[in-house]
Amino acid sequence: DTLLTTLPNQVHWMRDATRGGLATVLNEWSETAKVGIEIQEAQVPVREEVRAACEFLGLDPLYAANEGKVIIAITKESAGAALEILRQHPLGRDAAMIGQVTAAHPGYVSLETPYGARRIIQMLTGAQLPRIC
């Protein structure tokens, strides 16, 4: 509530990541709004125990259900203020800016790895299956 009242008309989208995780939420927004979304993998907060469990099970944490987490798209000009507001609450202390909306590649979500490579993040269809290799 504080975010919406302090920064009126600055939030474009807000959604929880319970179903399909971050990747699914971003793909739904990208397709609906006909915009591109670029995220930086290194900026996505994933707790170490979650990362380890996903690696062990062969799952991608971007598709993991993330109950209690919110994904917010806000104007670029208000992003810093929004982070300050979110981090003031105990549940928002790990809030992070993970990417940006772009006119390039509308309808697609791309991820930049820590090594500078890019890959398209697709919509999760069906259940997430572990990697076999």
C-alpha atoms as a PDB file:
ATOM      1  CA  ASP A   1       0.000   0.000   0.000  1.00  0.00           C
ATOM      2  CA  THR A   2       2.815   2.435   0.839  1.00  0.00           C
ATOM      3  CA  LEU A   3       4.379   1.933  -2.592  1.00  0.00           C
ATOM      4  CA  LEU A   4       1.138   2.702  -4.407  1.00  0.00           C
ATOM      5  CA  THR A   5       0.299   5.753  -2.306  1.00  0.00           C
ATOM      6  CA  THR A   6       3.832   7.194  -2.284  1.00  0.00           C
ATOM      7  CA  LEU A   7       4.362   6.657  -6.018  1.00  0.00           C
ATOM      8  CA  PRO A   8       0.891   7.053  -7.539  1.00  0.00           C
ATOM      9  CA  ASN A   9       0.506   6.126 -11.206  1.00  0.00           C
ATOM     10  CA  GLN A  10       4.082   4.805 -11.383  1.00  0.00           C
ATOM     11  CA  VAL A  11       3.364   1.060 -11.105  1.00  0.00           C
ATOM     12  CA  HIS A  12       2.527  -0.531 -14.465  1.00  0.00           C
ATOM     13  CA  TRP A  13       2.219  -4.177 -13.356  1.00  0.00           C
ATOM     14  CA  MET A  14       2.242  -6.054 -10.095  1.00  0.00           C
ATOM     15  CA  ARG A  15       1.849  -9.803  -9.714  1.00  0.00           C
ATOM     16  CA  ASP A  16       2.866 -12.668  -7.459  1.00  0.00           C
ATOM     17  CA  ALA A  17       5.092 -15.404  -8.840  1.00  0.00           C
ATOM     18  CA  THR A  18       3.287 -18.394  -7.340  1.00  0.00           C
ATOM     19  CA  ARG A  19       2.358 -20.073 -10.612  1.00  0.00           C
ATOM     20  CA  GLY A  20       5.183 -20.629 -13.056  1.00  0.00           C
ATOM     21  CA  GLY A  21       7.658 -18.414 -11.238  1.00  0.00           C
ATOM     22  CA  LEU A  22       9.399 -15.314 -12.470  1.00  0.00           C
ATOM     23  CA  ALA A  23       9.807 -16.539 -16.052  1.00  0.00           C
ATOM     24  CA  THR A  24       6.092 -17.148 -16.536  1.00  0.00           C
ATOM     25  CA  VAL A  25       5.054 -13.802 -15.025  1.00  0.00           C
ATOM     26  CA  LEU A  26       7.495 -11.879 -17.218  1.00  0.00           C
ATOM     27  CA  ASN A  27       6.425 -13.774 -20.345  1.00  0.00           C
ATOM     28  CA  GLU A  28       2.749 -13.082 -19.667  1.00  0.00           C
ATOM     29  CA  TRP A  29       3.457  -9.365 -19.251  1.00  0.00           C
ATOM     30  CA  SER A  30       5.692  -9.229 -22.301  1.00  0.00           C
ATOM     31  CA  GLU A  31       3.095 -10.918 -24.508  1.00  0.00           C
ATOM     32  CA  THR A  32       0.167  -8.892 -23.163  1.00  0.00           C
ATOM     33  CA  ALA A  33       1.886  -5.497 -23.382  1.00  0.00           C
ATOM     34  CA  LYS A  34       3.780  -6.320 -26.601  1.00  0.00           C
ATOM     35  CA  VAL A  35       7.077  -5.192 -25.091  1.00  0.00           C
ATOM     36  CA  GLY A  36      10.446  -6.833 -24.660  1.00  0.00           C
ATOM     37  CA  ILE A  37      11.812  -7.525 -21.217  1.00  0.00           C
ATOM     38  CA  GLU A  38      15.518  -7.892 -20.525  1.00  0.00           C
ATOM     39  CA  ILE A  39      16.708  -9.263 -17.184  1.00  0.00           C
ATOM     40  CA  GLN A  40      20.169  -9.769 -15.718  1.00  0.00           C
ATOM     41  CA  GLU A  41      20.601 -13.205 -14.157  1.00  0.00           C
ATOM     42  CA  ALA A  42      23.088 -11.901 -11.585  1.00  0.00           C
ATOM     43  CA  GLN A  43      20.471  -9.435 -10.267  1.00  0.00           C
ATOM     44  CA  VAL A  44      17.748 -12.038  -9.658  1.00  0.00           C
ATOM     45  CA  PRO A  45      17.784 -12.782  -5.913  1.00  0.00           C
ATOM     46  CA  VAL A  46      17.843 -16.560  -5.405  1.00  0.00           C
ATOM     47  CA  ARG A  47      18.736 -17.837  -1.958  1.00  0.00           C
ATOM     48  CA  GLU A  48      21.729 -20.173  -1.941  1.00  0.00           C
ATOM     49  CA  GLU A  49      19.755 -23.123  -0.553  1.00  0.00           C
ATOM     50  CA  VAL A  50      17.182 -22.719  -3.338  1.00  0.00           C
ATOM     51  CA  ARG A  51      19.920 -22.503  -5.964  1.00  0.00           C
ATOM     52  CA  ALA A  52      21.571 -25.645  -4.559  1.00  0.00           C
ATOM     53  CA  ALA A  53      18.302 -27.593  -4.449  1.00  0.00           C
ATOM     54  CA  CYS A  54      17.464 -26.585  -8.033  1.00  0.00           C
ATOM     55  CA  GLU A  55      20.926 -27.613  -9.236  1.00  0.00           C
ATOM     56  CA  PHE A  56      20.636 -30.961  -7.425  1.00  0.00           C
ATOM     57  CA  LEU A  57      17.177 -31.616  -8.887  1.00  0.00           C
ATOM     58  CA  GLY A  58      17.990 -30.227 -12.337  1.00  0.00           C
ATOM     59  CA  LEU A  59      15.402 -27.448 -12.137  1.00  0.00           C
ATOM     60  CA  ASP A  60      15.579 -23.851 -13.291  1.00  0.00           C
ATOM     61  CA  PRO A  61      14.829 -21.476 -10.389  1.00  0.00           C
ATOM     62  CA  LEU A  62      13.318 -18.951 -12.824  1.00  0.00           C
ATOM     63  CA  TYR A  63      10.344 -21.312 -13.248  1.00  0.00           C
ATOM     64  CA  ALA A  64       9.985 -22.302  -9.588  1.00  0.00           C
ATOM     65  CA  ALA A  65       6.769 -21.299  -7.853  1.00  0.00           C
ATOM     66  CA  ASN A  66       7.620 -18.386  -5.611  1.00  0.00           C
ATOM     67  CA  GLU A  67       4.801 -17.944  -3.137  1.00  0.00           C
ATOM     68  CA  GLY A  68       4.948 -14.691  -1.218  1.00  0.00           C
ATOM     69  CA  LYS A  69       7.075 -12.875  -3.808  1.00  0.00           C
ATOM     70  CA  VAL A  70       5.881  -9.982  -5.935  1.00  0.00           C
ATOM     71  CA  ILE A  71       7.100  -8.881  -9.352  1.00  0.00           C
ATOM     72  CA  ILE A  72       6.608  -5.165  -9.995  1.00  0.00           C
ATOM     73  CA  ALA A  73       7.081  -3.154 -13.166  1.00  0.00           C
ATOM     74  CA  ILE A  74       7.458   0.518 -12.341  1.00  0.00           C
ATOM     75  CA  THR A  75       8.560   3.581 -14.270  1.00  0.00           C
ATOM     76  CA  LYS A  76      12.324   3.874 -14.633  1.00  0.00           C
ATOM     77  CA  GLU A  77      12.281   7.258 -12.905  1.00  0.00           C
ATOM     78  CA  SER A  78      10.643   5.773  -9.782  1.00  0.00           C
ATOM     79  CA  ALA A  79      12.647   2.538  -9.561  1.00  0.00           C
ATOM     80  CA  GLY A  80      15.147   3.798  -6.966  1.00  0.00           C
ATOM     81  CA  ALA A  81      12.435   5.246  -4.733  1.00  0.00           C
ATOM     82  CA  ALA A  82      10.401   2.044  -5.048  1.00  0.00           C
ATOM     83  CA  LEU A  83      13.370  -0.062  -3.944  1.00  0.00           C
ATOM     84  CA  GLU A  84      13.870   2.179  -0.903  1.00  0.00           C
ATOM     85  CA  ILE A  85      10.208   1.814   0.060  1.00  0.00           C
ATOM     86  CA  LEU A  86      10.185  -1.955  -0.428  1.00  0.00           C
ATOM     87  CA  ARG A  87      13.416  -2.491   1.504  1.00  0.00           C
ATOM     88  CA  GLN A  88      12.003  -0.650   4.532  1.00  0.00           C
ATOM     89  CA  HIS A  89       9.604  -3.559   5.112  1.00  0.00           C
ATOM     90  CA  PRO A  90      11.047  -6.817   6.541  1.00  0.00           C
ATOM     91  CA  LEU A  91       9.514  -8.839   3.692  1.00  0.00           C
ATOM     92  CA  GLY A  92      11.029  -6.518   1.080  1.00  0.00           C
ATOM     93  CA  ARG A  93      14.583  -6.318   2.400  1.00  0.00           C
ATOM     94  CA  ASP A  94      15.896  -8.340  -0.568  1.00  0.00           C
ATOM     95  CA  ALA A  95      14.009  -6.360  -3.227  1.00  0.00           C
ATOM     96  CA  ALA A  96      16.077  -5.921  -6.376  1.00  0.00           C
ATOM     97  CA  MET A  97      15.873  -4.298  -9.783  1.00  0.00           C
ATOM     98  CA  ILE A  98      16.447  -7.210 -12.153  1.00  0.00           C
ATOM     99  CA  GLY A  99      15.862  -5.740 -15.591  1.00  0.00           C
ATOM    100  CA  GLN A 100      14.034  -3.369 -17.844  1.00  0.00           C
ATOM    101  CA  VAL A 101      11.296  -3.099 -20.428  1.00  0.00           C
ATOM    102  CA  THR A 102      12.484  -2.442 -23.958  1.00  0.00           C
ATOM    103  CA  ALA A 103      10.993  -1.803 -27.378  1.00  0.00           C
ATOM    104  CA  ALA A 104      13.384  -4.414 -28.794  1.00  0.00           C
ATOM    105  CA  HIS A 105      12.011  -7.928 -29.333  1.00  0.00           C
ATOM    106  CA  PRO A 106       8.368  -7.284 -28.280  1.00  0.00           C
ATOM    107  CA  GLY A 107       6.704 -10.330 -26.759  1.00  0.00           C
ATOM    108  CA  TYR A 108       9.993 -11.884 -25.613  1.00  0.00           C
ATOM    109  CA  VAL A 109      11.928 -12.081 -22.373  1.00  0.00           C
ATOM    110  CA  SER A 110      15.697 -12.299 -22.597  1.00  0.00           C
ATOM    111  CA  LEU A 111      18.209 -13.044 -19.890  1.00  0.00           C
ATOM    112  CA  GLU A 112      21.804 -11.868 -19.786  1.00  0.00           C
ATOM    113  CA  THR A 113      24.071 -14.320 -17.969  1.00  0.00           C
ATOM    114  CA  PRO A 114      26.966 -13.206 -15.760  1.00  0.00           C
ATOM    115  CA  TYR A 115      29.229 -14.127 -18.707  1.00  0.00           C
ATOM    116  CA  GLY A 116      27.493 -11.733 -21.103  1.00  0.00           C
ATOM    117  CA  ALA A 117      25.630 -14.396 -23.091  1.00  0.00           C
ATOM    118  CA  ARG A 118      21.926 -13.911 -23.811  1.00  0.00           C
ATOM    119  CA  ARG A 119      19.133 -16.438 -23.976  1.00  0.00           C
ATOM    120  CA  ILE A 120      15.394 -16.258 -24.500  1.00  0.00           C
ATOM    121  CA  ILE A 121      13.322 -17.177 -21.446  1.00  0.00           C
ATOM    122  CA  GLN A 122      10.253 -18.979 -22.716  1.00  0.00           C
ATOM    123  CA  MET A 123       6.871 -19.527 -21.114  1.00  0.00           C
ATOM    124  CA  LEU A 124       6.672 -22.652 -18.969  1.00  0.00           C
ATOM    125  CA  THR A 125       4.308 -25.138 -20.552  1.00  0.00           C
ATOM    126  CA  GLY A 126       3.217 -28.056 -18.406  1.00  0.00           C
ATOM    127  CA  ALA A 127       5.220 -29.129 -15.386  1.00  0.00           C
ATOM    128  CA  GLN A 128       8.868 -28.233 -15.023  1.00  0.00           C
ATOM    129  CA  LEU A 129      10.922 -31.349 -15.622  1.00  0.00           C
ATOM    130  CA  PRO A 130      14.465 -31.859 -14.368  1.00  0.00           C
ATOM    131  CA  ARG A 131      17.416 -31.765 -16.777  1.00  0.00           C
ATOM    132  CA  ILE A 132      18.747 -35.238 -17.471  1.00  0.00           C
ATOM    133  CA  CYS A 133      22.229 -34.177 -18.611  1.00  0.00           C
END
